[in-house]
Amino acid sequence: MRDGGVSVGVEEQARGPAAVTVGSDVCVWNPSLESWTVGFSVAEVLPDGFRLRRRSDGHVFDHVFAPELVQAERRRGQAPGFVGTDHDRRADRQRW
């Protein structure tokens, strides 16, 4: 299914607005790159979408992002068959 230029499948719909609350780390669809961009959190939940905060500097955007352009950020796990770790750098940030 296409919705606002974004391919939205059953899995993405399940991770949609119901899974996102104030303070949730989220990804935002970037139409220029045609990919999801990380580094944001929800500053405010509105009836027509979300107001987002950029985690790097705390800036809150005036723009309201439509629900289909925002999804909960998922941490990547270790891919099966690959030796090593997938280090979550957010844990490092808490120690500073």
PDB file of N, CA and C in Angstrom:
ATOM      1  N   MET A   1       0.844  -1.173   0.000  1.00  0.00           N
ATOM      2  CA  MET A   1       0.000   0.000   0.000  1.00  0.00           C
ATOM      3  C   MET A   1       0.889   1.235   0.000  1.00  0.00           C
ATOM      4  N   ARG A   2       0.505   2.260  -0.729  1.00  0.00           N
ATOM      5  CA  ARG A   2       1.248   3.520  -0.755  1.00  0.00           C
ATOM      6  C   ARG A   2       0.430   4.569  -0.013  1.00  0.00           C
ATOM      7  N   ASP A   3       1.078   5.287   0.885  1.00  0.00           N
ATOM      8  CA  ASP A   3       0.387   6.312   1.658  1.00  0.00           C
ATOM      9  C   ASP A   3       1.309   7.517   1.785  1.00  0.00           C
ATOM     10  N   GLY A   4       1.010   8.586   1.096  1.00  0.00           N
ATOM     11  CA  GLY A   4       1.847   9.777   1.166  1.00  0.00           C
ATOM     12  C   GLY A   4       3.230   9.568   0.581  1.00  0.00           C
ATOM     13  N   GLY A   5       3.341   8.659  -0.421  1.00  0.00           N
ATOM     14  CA  GLY A   5       4.629   8.417  -1.035  1.00  0.00           C
ATOM     15  C   GLY A   5       5.489   7.430  -0.278  1.00  0.00           C
ATOM     16  N   VAL A   6       4.968   6.871   0.799  1.00  0.00           N
ATOM     17  CA  VAL A   6       5.725   5.935   1.625  1.00  0.00           C
ATOM     18  C   VAL A   6       5.061   4.580   1.546  1.00  0.00           C
ATOM     19  N   SER A   7       5.846   3.551   1.298  1.00  0.00           N
ATOM     20  CA  SER A   7       5.311   2.203   1.295  1.00  0.00           C
ATOM     21  C   SER A   7       5.061   1.787   2.733  1.00  0.00           C
ATOM     22  N   VAL A   8       3.815   1.502   3.065  1.00  0.00           N
ATOM     23  CA  VAL A   8       3.450   1.159   4.430  1.00  0.00           C
ATOM     24  C   VAL A   8       2.881  -0.245   4.436  1.00  0.00           C
ATOM     25  N   GLY A   9       3.573  -1.166   5.077  1.00  0.00           N
ATOM     26  CA  GLY A   9       3.113  -2.538   5.176  1.00  0.00           C
ATOM     27  C   GLY A   9       2.448  -2.795   6.508  1.00  0.00           C
ATOM     28  N   VAL A  10       2.004  -4.032   6.705  1.00  0.00           N
ATOM     29  CA  VAL A  10       1.314  -4.405   7.940  1.00  0.00           C
ATOM     30  C   VAL A  10       2.220  -4.207   9.146  1.00  0.00           C
ATOM     31  N   GLU A  11       3.499  -4.577   9.023  1.00  0.00           N
ATOM     32  CA  GLU A  11       4.425  -4.440  10.145  1.00  0.00           C
ATOM     33  C   GLU A  11       4.617  -2.966  10.521  1.00  0.00           C
ATOM     34  N   GLU A  12       4.767  -2.083   9.523  1.00  0.00           N
ATOM     35  CA  GLU A  12       4.951  -0.669   9.805  1.00  0.00           C
ATOM     36  C   GLU A  12       3.699  -0.075  10.449  1.00  0.00           C
ATOM     37  N   GLN A  13       2.520  -0.504   9.992  1.00  0.00           N
ATOM     38  CA  GLN A  13       1.292   0.007  10.575  1.00  0.00           C
ATOM     39  C   GLN A  13       1.185  -0.401  12.037  1.00  0.00           C
ATOM     40  N   ALA A  14       1.641  -1.598  12.371  1.00  0.00           N
ATOM     41  CA  ALA A  14       1.590  -2.069  13.749  1.00  0.00           C
ATOM     42  C   ALA A  14       2.513  -1.251  14.639  1.00  0.00           C
ATOM     43  N   ARG A  15       3.615  -0.699  14.075  1.00  0.00           N
ATOM     44  CA  ARG A  15       4.539   0.116  14.848  1.00  0.00           C
ATOM     45  C   ARG A  15       4.164   1.584  14.779  1.00  0.00           C
ATOM     46  N   GLY A  16       3.020   1.890  14.245  1.00  0.00           N
ATOM     47  CA  GLY A  16       2.614   3.268  14.010  1.00  0.00           C
ATOM     48  C   GLY A  16       2.342   4.048  15.275  1.00  0.00           C
ATOM     49  N   PRO A  17       1.418   5.008  15.215  1.00  0.00           N
ATOM     50  CA  PRO A  17       1.214   5.970  16.279  1.00  0.00           C
ATOM     51  C   PRO A  17       0.911   5.353  17.638  1.00  0.00           C
ATOM     52  N   ALA A  18       0.260   4.192  17.674  1.00  0.00           N
ATOM     53  CA  ALA A  18      -0.079   3.583  18.958  1.00  0.00           C
ATOM     54  C   ALA A  18       1.175   3.212  19.741  1.00  0.00           C
ATOM     55  N   ALA A  19       2.266   2.927  19.052  1.00  0.00           N
ATOM     56  CA  ALA A  19       3.503   2.513  19.712  1.00  0.00           C
ATOM     57  C   ALA A  19       4.381   3.709  20.080  1.00  0.00           C
ATOM     58  N   VAL A  20       3.979   4.911  19.715  1.00  0.00           N
ATOM     59  CA  VAL A  20       4.817   6.099  19.903  1.00  0.00           C
ATOM     60  C   VAL A  20       4.147   7.027  20.915  1.00  0.00           C
ATOM     61  N   THR A  21       4.897   7.382  21.966  1.00  0.00           N
ATOM     62  CA  THR A  21       4.401   8.298  22.986  1.00  0.00           C
ATOM     63  C   THR A  21       5.442   9.388  23.218  1.00  0.00           C
ATOM     64  N   VAL A  22       5.101  10.398  24.014  1.00  0.00           N
ATOM     65  CA  VAL A  22       6.047  11.467  24.322  1.00  0.00           C
ATOM     66  C   VAL A  22       7.302  10.863  24.945  1.00  0.00           C
ATOM     67  N   GLY A  23       8.450  11.254  24.406  1.00  0.00           N
ATOM     68  CA  GLY A  23       9.726  10.748  24.886  1.00  0.00           C
ATOM     69  C   GLY A  23      10.249   9.549  24.118  1.00  0.00           C
ATOM     70  N   SER A  24       9.409   8.919  23.290  1.00  0.00           N
ATOM     71  CA  SER A  24       9.845   7.766  22.498  1.00  0.00           C
ATOM     72  C   SER A  24      10.900   8.179  21.486  1.00  0.00           C
ATOM     73  N   ASP A  25      11.925   7.353  21.326  1.00  0.00           N
ATOM     74  CA  ASP A  25      12.893   7.554  20.251  1.00  0.00           C
ATOM     75  C   ASP A  25      12.261   7.066  18.962  1.00  0.00           C
ATOM     76  N   VAL A  26      12.328   7.886  17.912  1.00  0.00           N
ATOM     77  CA  VAL A  26      11.652   7.560  16.662  1.00  0.00           C
ATOM     78  C   VAL A  26      12.563   7.768  15.453  1.00  0.00           C
ATOM     79  N   CYS A  27      12.168   7.157  14.345  1.00  0.00           N
ATOM     80  CA  CYS A  27      12.751   7.370  13.024  1.00  0.00           C
ATOM     81  C   CYS A  27      11.754   8.183  12.222  1.00  0.00           C
ATOM     82  N   VAL A  28      12.263   8.999  11.316  1.00  0.00           N
ATOM     83  CA  VAL A  28      11.422   9.829  10.462  1.00  0.00           C
ATOM     84  C   VAL A  28      11.728   9.495   9.008  1.00  0.00           C
ATOM     85  N   TRP A  29      10.677   9.349   8.194  1.00  0.00           N
ATOM     86  CA  TRP A  29      10.868   9.057   6.781  1.00  0.00           C
ATOM     87  C   TRP A  29      11.437  10.291   6.091  1.00  0.00           C
ATOM     88  N   ASN A  30      12.566  10.105   5.394  1.00  0.00           N
ATOM     89  CA  ASN A  30      13.209  11.171   4.642  1.00  0.00           C
ATOM     90  C   ASN A  30      12.970  10.901   3.161  1.00  0.00           C
ATOM     91  N   PRO A  31      12.053  11.651   2.524  1.00  0.00           N
ATOM     92  CA  PRO A  31      11.735  11.383   1.126  1.00  0.00           C
ATOM     93  C   PRO A  31      12.894  11.661   0.173  1.00  0.00           C
ATOM     94  N   SER A  32      13.789  12.563   0.527  1.00  0.00           N
ATOM     95  CA  SER A  32      14.941  12.854  -0.335  1.00  0.00           C
ATOM     96  C   SER A  32      15.892  11.669  -0.412  1.00  0.00           C
ATOM     97  N   LEU A  33      16.110  11.016   0.732  1.00  0.00           N
ATOM     98  CA  LEU A  33      17.000   9.857   0.786  1.00  0.00           C
ATOM     99  C   LEU A  33      16.265   8.536   0.581  1.00  0.00           C
ATOM    100  N   GLU A  34      14.933   8.602   0.631  1.00  0.00           N
ATOM    101  CA  GLU A  34      14.081   7.407   0.548  1.00  0.00           C
ATOM    102  C   GLU A  34      14.499   6.365   1.579  1.00  0.00           C
ATOM    103  N   SER A  35      14.661   6.841   2.831  1.00  0.00           N
ATOM    104  CA  SER A  35      15.024   5.951   3.927  1.00  0.00           C
ATOM    105  C   SER A  35      14.572   6.575   5.250  1.00  0.00           C
ATOM    106  N   TRP A  36      14.608   5.767   6.305  1.00  0.00           N
ATOM    107  CA  TRP A  36      14.255   6.231   7.644  1.00  0.00           C
ATOM    108  C   TRP A  36      15.489   6.856   8.277  1.00  0.00           C
ATOM    109  N   THR A  37      15.317   7.994   8.941  1.00  0.00           N
ATOM    110  CA  THR A  37      16.405   8.706   9.596  1.00  0.00           C
ATOM    111  C   THR A  37      16.203   8.654  11.105  1.00  0.00           C
ATOM    112  N   VAL A  38      17.254   8.268  11.825  1.00  0.00           N
ATOM    113  CA  VAL A  38      17.185   8.157  13.283  1.00  0.00           C
ATOM    114  C   VAL A  38      17.661   9.460  13.914  1.00  0.00           C
ATOM    115  N   GLY A  39      17.500   9.569  15.236  1.00  0.00           N
ATOM    116  CA  GLY A  39      18.026  10.716  15.959  1.00  0.00           C
ATOM    117  C   GLY A  39      16.973  11.683  16.458  1.00  0.00           C
ATOM    118  N   PHE A  40      15.730  11.227  16.567  1.00  0.00           N
ATOM    119  CA  PHE A  40      14.642  12.086  17.002  1.00  0.00           C
ATOM    120  C   PHE A  40      13.874  11.429  18.142  1.00  0.00           C
ATOM    121  N   SER A  41      13.179  12.256  18.924  1.00  0.00           N
ATOM    122  CA  SER A  41      12.264  11.743  19.936  1.00  0.00           C
ATOM    123  C   SER A  41      10.980  12.565  19.850  1.00  0.00           C
ATOM    124  N   VAL A  42       9.916  12.024  20.395  1.00  0.00           N
ATOM    125  CA  VAL A  42       8.619  12.698  20.340  1.00  0.00           C
ATOM    126  C   VAL A  42       8.554  13.750  21.439  1.00  0.00           C
ATOM    127  N   ALA A  43       8.325  14.997  21.046  1.00  0.00           N
ATOM    128  CA  ALA A  43       8.181  16.088  22.001  1.00  0.00           C
ATOM    129  C   ALA A  43       6.716  16.291  22.371  1.00  0.00           C
ATOM    130  N   GLU A  44       5.822  16.020  21.410  1.00  0.00           N
ATOM    131  CA  GLU A  44       4.394  16.254  21.636  1.00  0.00           C
ATOM    132  C   GLU A  44       3.588  15.370  20.694  1.00  0.00           C
ATOM    133  N   VAL A  45       2.517  14.772  21.214  1.00  0.00           N
ATOM    134  CA  VAL A  45       1.596  13.995  20.391  1.00  0.00           C
ATOM    135  C   VAL A  45       0.373  14.867  20.152  1.00  0.00           C
ATOM    136  N   LEU A  46       0.048  15.081  18.881  1.00  0.00           N
ATOM    137  CA  LEU A  46      -1.082  15.927  18.491  1.00  0.00           C
ATOM    138  C   LEU A  46      -2.099  15.087  17.731  1.00  0.00           C
ATOM    139  N   PRO A  47      -3.332  15.566  17.595  1.00  0.00           N
ATOM    140  CA  PRO A  47      -4.349  14.792  16.872  1.00  0.00           C
ATOM    141  C   PRO A  47      -3.966  14.469  15.430  1.00  0.00           C
ATOM    142  N   ASP A  48      -3.180  15.364  14.782  1.00  0.00           N
ATOM    143  CA  ASP A  48      -2.836  15.151  13.376  1.00  0.00           C
ATOM    144  C   ASP A  48      -1.396  14.687  13.168  1.00  0.00           C
ATOM    145  N   GLY A  49      -0.678  14.348  14.253  1.00  0.00           N
ATOM    146  CA  GLY A  49       0.684  13.856  14.084  1.00  0.00           C
ATOM    147  C   GLY A  49       1.545  14.085  15.310  1.00  0.00           C
ATOM    148  N   PHE A  50       2.840  14.315  15.064  1.00  0.00           N
ATOM    149  CA  PHE A  50       3.812  14.440  16.141  1.00  0.00           C
ATOM    150  C   PHE A  50       4.698  15.659  15.945  1.00  0.00           C
ATOM    151  N   ARG A  51       5.020  16.323  17.025  1.00  0.00           N
ATOM    152  CA  ARG A  51       6.063  17.347  17.015  1.00  0.00           C
ATOM    153  C   ARG A  51       7.306  16.647  17.562  1.00  0.00           C
ATOM    154  N   LEU A  52       8.429  16.784  16.858  1.00  0.00           N
ATOM    155  CA  LEU A  52       9.623  16.016  17.184  1.00  0.00           C
ATOM    156  C   LEU A  52      10.751  16.882  17.722  1.00  0.00           C
ATOM    157  N   ARG A  53      11.597  16.243  18.535  1.00  0.00           N
ATOM    158  CA  ARG A  53      12.804  16.865  19.086  1.00  0.00           C
ATOM    159  C   ARG A  53      14.013  16.156  18.485  1.00  0.00           C
ATOM    160  N   ARG A  54      14.978  16.933  17.986  1.00  0.00           N
ATOM    161  CA  ARG A  54      16.232  16.366  17.501  1.00  0.00           C
ATOM    162  C   ARG A  54      17.083  16.057  18.727  1.00  0.00           C
ATOM    163  N   ARG A  55      17.480  14.803  18.874  1.00  0.00           N
ATOM    164  CA  ARG A  55      18.198  14.386  20.076  1.00  0.00           C
ATOM    165  C   ARG A  55      19.586  15.013  20.177  1.00  0.00           C
ATOM    166  N   SER A  56      20.235  15.308  19.067  1.00  0.00           N
ATOM    167  CA  SER A  56      21.607  15.822  19.111  1.00  0.00           C
ATOM    168  C   SER A  56      21.723  17.172  19.802  1.00  0.00           C
ATOM    169  N   ASP A  57      20.721  18.036  19.641  1.00  0.00           N
ATOM    170  CA  ASP A  57      20.810  19.371  20.243  1.00  0.00           C
ATOM    171  C   ASP A  57      19.547  19.803  20.986  1.00  0.00           C
ATOM    172  N   GLY A  58      18.524  18.937  21.020  1.00  0.00           N
ATOM    173  CA  GLY A  58      17.306  19.249  21.765  1.00  0.00           C
ATOM    174  C   GLY A  58      16.336  20.167  21.044  1.00  0.00           C
ATOM    175  N   HIS A  59      16.626  20.543  19.802  1.00  0.00           N
ATOM    176  CA  HIS A  59      15.750  21.444  19.039  1.00  0.00           C
ATOM    177  C   HIS A  59      14.399  20.775  18.783  1.00  0.00           C
ATOM    178  N   VAL A  60      13.303  21.488  19.093  1.00  0.00           N
ATOM    179  CA  VAL A  60      11.948  21.005  18.813  1.00  0.00           C
ATOM    180  C   VAL A  60      11.465  21.679  17.535  1.00  0.00           C
ATOM    181  N   PHE A  61      11.064  20.862  16.564  1.00  0.00           N
ATOM    182  CA  PHE A  61      10.597  21.371  15.279  1.00  0.00           C
ATOM    183  C   PHE A  61       9.171  21.884  15.386  1.00  0.00           C
ATOM    184  N   ASP A  62       8.881  22.991  14.719  1.00  0.00           N
ATOM    185  CA  ASP A  62       7.523  23.528  14.666  1.00  0.00           C
ATOM    186  C   ASP A  62       6.618  22.661  13.800  1.00  0.00           C
ATOM    187  N   HIS A  63       7.210  22.035  12.790  1.00  0.00           N
ATOM    188  CA  HIS A  63       6.465  21.211  11.835  1.00  0.00           C
ATOM    189  C   HIS A  63       5.810  20.025  12.560  1.00  0.00           C
ATOM    190  N   VAL A  64       4.575  19.697  12.178  1.00  0.00           N
ATOM    191  CA  VAL A  64       3.901  18.512  12.711  1.00  0.00           C
ATOM    192  C   VAL A  64       4.073  17.396  11.689  1.00  0.00           C
ATOM    193  N   PHE A  65       4.713  16.310  12.107  1.00  0.00           N
ATOM    194  CA  PHE A  65       4.989  15.179  11.231  1.00  0.00           C
ATOM    195  C   PHE A  65       3.803  14.227  11.243  1.00  0.00           C
ATOM    196  N   ALA A  66       3.324  13.858  10.053  1.00  0.00           N
ATOM    197  CA  ALA A  66       2.194  12.939   9.914  1.00  0.00           C
ATOM    198  C   ALA A  66       2.548  11.577  10.507  1.00  0.00           C
ATOM    199  N   PRO A  67       1.571  10.868  11.080  1.00  0.00           N
ATOM    200  CA  PRO A  67       1.829   9.572  11.710  1.00  0.00           C
ATOM    201  C   PRO A  67       2.499   8.555  10.795  1.00  0.00           C
ATOM    202  N   GLU A  68       2.189   8.570   9.507  1.00  0.00           N
ATOM    203  CA  GLU A  68       2.780   7.587   8.602  1.00  0.00           C
ATOM    204  C   GLU A  68       4.248   7.881   8.289  1.00  0.00           C
ATOM    205  N   LEU A  69       4.739   9.042   8.706  1.00  0.00           N
ATOM    206  CA  LEU A  69       6.137   9.399   8.476  1.00  0.00           C
ATOM    207  C   LEU A  69       7.013   9.200   9.710  1.00  0.00           C
ATOM    208  N   VAL A  70       6.418   8.678  10.781  1.00  0.00           N
ATOM    209  CA  VAL A  70       7.131   8.478  12.047  1.00  0.00           C
ATOM    210  C   VAL A  70       6.911   7.049  12.510  1.00  0.00           C
ATOM    211  N   GLN A  71       7.989   6.407  12.950  1.00  0.00           N
ATOM    212  CA  GLN A  71       7.849   5.064  13.526  1.00  0.00           C
ATOM    213  C   GLN A  71       8.805   4.922  14.705  1.00  0.00           C
ATOM    214  N   ALA A  72       8.458   4.036  15.622  1.00  0.00           N
ATOM    215  CA  ALA A  72       9.314   3.798  16.774  1.00  0.00           C
ATOM    216  C   ALA A  72      10.679   3.313  16.301  1.00  0.00           C
ATOM    217  N   GLU A  73      11.735   3.853  16.907  1.00  0.00           N
ATOM    218  CA  GLU A  73      13.086   3.437  16.556  1.00  0.00           C
ATOM    219  C   GLU A  73      13.337   2.063  17.153  1.00  0.00           C
ATOM    220  N   ARG A  74      13.845   1.181  16.317  1.00  0.00           N
ATOM    221  CA  ARG A  74      14.154  -0.169  16.778  1.00  0.00           C
ATOM    222  C   ARG A  74      15.656  -0.325  16.855  1.00  0.00           C
ATOM    223  N   ARG A  75      16.123  -0.891  17.930  1.00  0.00           N
ATOM    224  CA  ARG A  75      17.551  -1.185  18.044  1.00  0.00           C
ATOM    225  C   ARG A  75      17.835  -2.437  17.251  1.00  0.00           C
ATOM    226  N   ARG A  76      18.947  -2.378  16.522  1.00  0.00           N
ATOM    227  CA  ARG A  76      19.320  -3.535  15.719  1.00  0.00           C
ATOM    228  C   ARG A  76      19.940  -4.594  16.615  1.00  0.00           C
ATOM    229  N   GLY A  77      19.566  -5.825  16.378  1.00  0.00           N
ATOM    230  CA  GLY A  77      20.170  -6.935  17.095  1.00  0.00           C
ATOM    231  C   GLY A  77      21.273  -7.550  16.262  1.00  0.00           C
ATOM    232  N   GLN A  78      21.965  -8.485  16.821  1.00  0.00           N
ATOM    233  CA  GLN A  78      23.028  -9.172  16.099  1.00  0.00           C
ATOM    234  C   GLN A  78      22.413 -10.013  14.992  1.00  0.00           C
ATOM    235  N   ALA A  79      22.908  -9.863  13.792  1.00  0.00           N
ATOM    236  CA  ALA A  79      22.414 -10.640  12.657  1.00  0.00           C
ATOM    237  C   ALA A  79      22.843 -12.096  12.820  1.00  0.00           C
ATOM    238  N   PRO A  80      21.926 -13.030  12.571  1.00  0.00           N
ATOM    239  CA  PRO A  80      22.283 -14.442  12.696  1.00  0.00           C
ATOM    240  C   PRO A  80      23.427 -14.801  11.750  1.00  0.00           C
ATOM    241  N   GLY A  81      24.364 -15.614  12.238  1.00  0.00           N
ATOM    242  CA  GLY A  81      25.465 -16.062  11.404  1.00  0.00           C
ATOM    243  C   GLY A  81      26.660 -15.132  11.378  1.00  0.00           C
ATOM    244  N   PHE A  82      26.587 -13.991  12.057  1.00  0.00           N
ATOM    245  CA  PHE A  82      27.700 -13.054  12.095  1.00  0.00           C
ATOM    246  C   PHE A  82      28.291 -13.028  13.499  1.00  0.00           C
ATOM    247  N   VAL A  83      29.597 -13.119  13.575  1.00  0.00           N
ATOM    248  CA  VAL A  83      30.282 -13.079  14.857  1.00  0.00           C
ATOM    249  C   VAL A  83      30.563 -11.628  15.204  1.00  0.00           C
ATOM    250  N   GLY A  84      30.348 -11.255  16.457  1.00  0.00           N
ATOM    251  CA  GLY A  84      30.608  -9.885  16.896  1.00  0.00           C
ATOM    252  C   GLY A  84      29.438  -9.360  17.688  1.00  0.00           C
ATOM    253  N   THR A  85      29.464  -8.074  17.932  1.00  0.00           N
ATOM    254  CA  THR A  85      28.387  -7.455  18.697  1.00  0.00           C
ATOM    255  C   THR A  85      27.833  -6.266  17.939  1.00  0.00           C
ATOM    256  N   ASP A  86      26.623  -5.909  18.270  1.00  0.00           N
ATOM    257  CA  ASP A  86      26.014  -4.692  17.752  1.00  0.00           C
ATOM    258  C   ASP A  86      25.961  -3.734  18.932  1.00  0.00           C
ATOM    259  N   HIS A  87      26.940  -2.856  19.035  1.00  0.00           N
ATOM    260  CA  HIS A  87      27.097  -1.976  20.191  1.00  0.00           C
ATOM    261  C   HIS A  87      26.082  -0.844  20.136  1.00  0.00           C
ATOM    262  N   ASP A  88      25.289  -0.698  21.195  1.00  0.00           N
ATOM    263  CA  ASP A  88      24.319   0.384  21.287  1.00  0.00           C
ATOM    264  C   ASP A  88      25.009   1.587  21.926  1.00  0.00           C
ATOM    265  N   ARG A  89      25.340   2.602  21.131  1.00  0.00           N
ATOM    266  CA  ARG A  89      26.098   3.748  21.629  1.00  0.00           C
ATOM    267  C   ARG A  89      25.289   4.632  22.562  1.00  0.00           C
ATOM    268  N   ARG A  90      23.964   4.463  22.561  1.00  0.00           N
ATOM    269  CA  ARG A  90      23.168   5.268  23.487  1.00  0.00           C
ATOM    270  C   ARG A  90      23.518   4.939  24.932  1.00  0.00           C
ATOM    271  N   ALA A  91      23.931   3.712  25.201  1.00  0.00           N
ATOM    272  CA  ALA A  91      24.335   3.331  26.556  1.00  0.00           C
ATOM    273  C   ALA A  91      25.583   4.109  26.964  1.00  0.00           C
ATOM    274  N   ASP A  92      26.510   4.360  26.015  1.00  0.00           N
ATOM    275  CA  ASP A  92      27.722   5.132  26.307  1.00  0.00           C
ATOM    276  C   ASP A  92      27.377   6.570  26.690  1.00  0.00           C
ATOM    277  N   ARG A  93      26.405   7.130  26.006  1.00  0.00           N
ATOM    278  CA  ARG A  93      26.031   8.522  26.226  1.00  0.00           C
ATOM    279  C   ARG A  93      25.568   8.749  27.672  1.00  0.00           C
ATOM    280  N   GLN A  94      24.940   7.749  28.287  1.00  0.00           N
ATOM    281  CA  GLN A  94      24.435   7.887  29.644  1.00  0.00           C
ATOM    282  C   GLN A  94      25.568   7.958  30.661  1.00  0.00           C
ATOM    283  N   ARG A  95      26.738   7.442  30.354  1.00  0.00           N
ATOM    284  CA  ARG A  95      27.860   7.439  31.280  1.00  0.00           C
ATOM    285  C   ARG A  95      28.601   8.770  31.295  1.00  0.00           C
ATOM    286  N   TRP A  96      28.419   9.617  30.294  1.00  0.00           N
ATOM    287  CA  TRP A  96      29.181  10.866  30.210  1.00  0.00           C
ATOM    288  C   TRP A  96      28.664  11.893  31.138  1.00  0.00           C
TER     289      TRP A  96
END
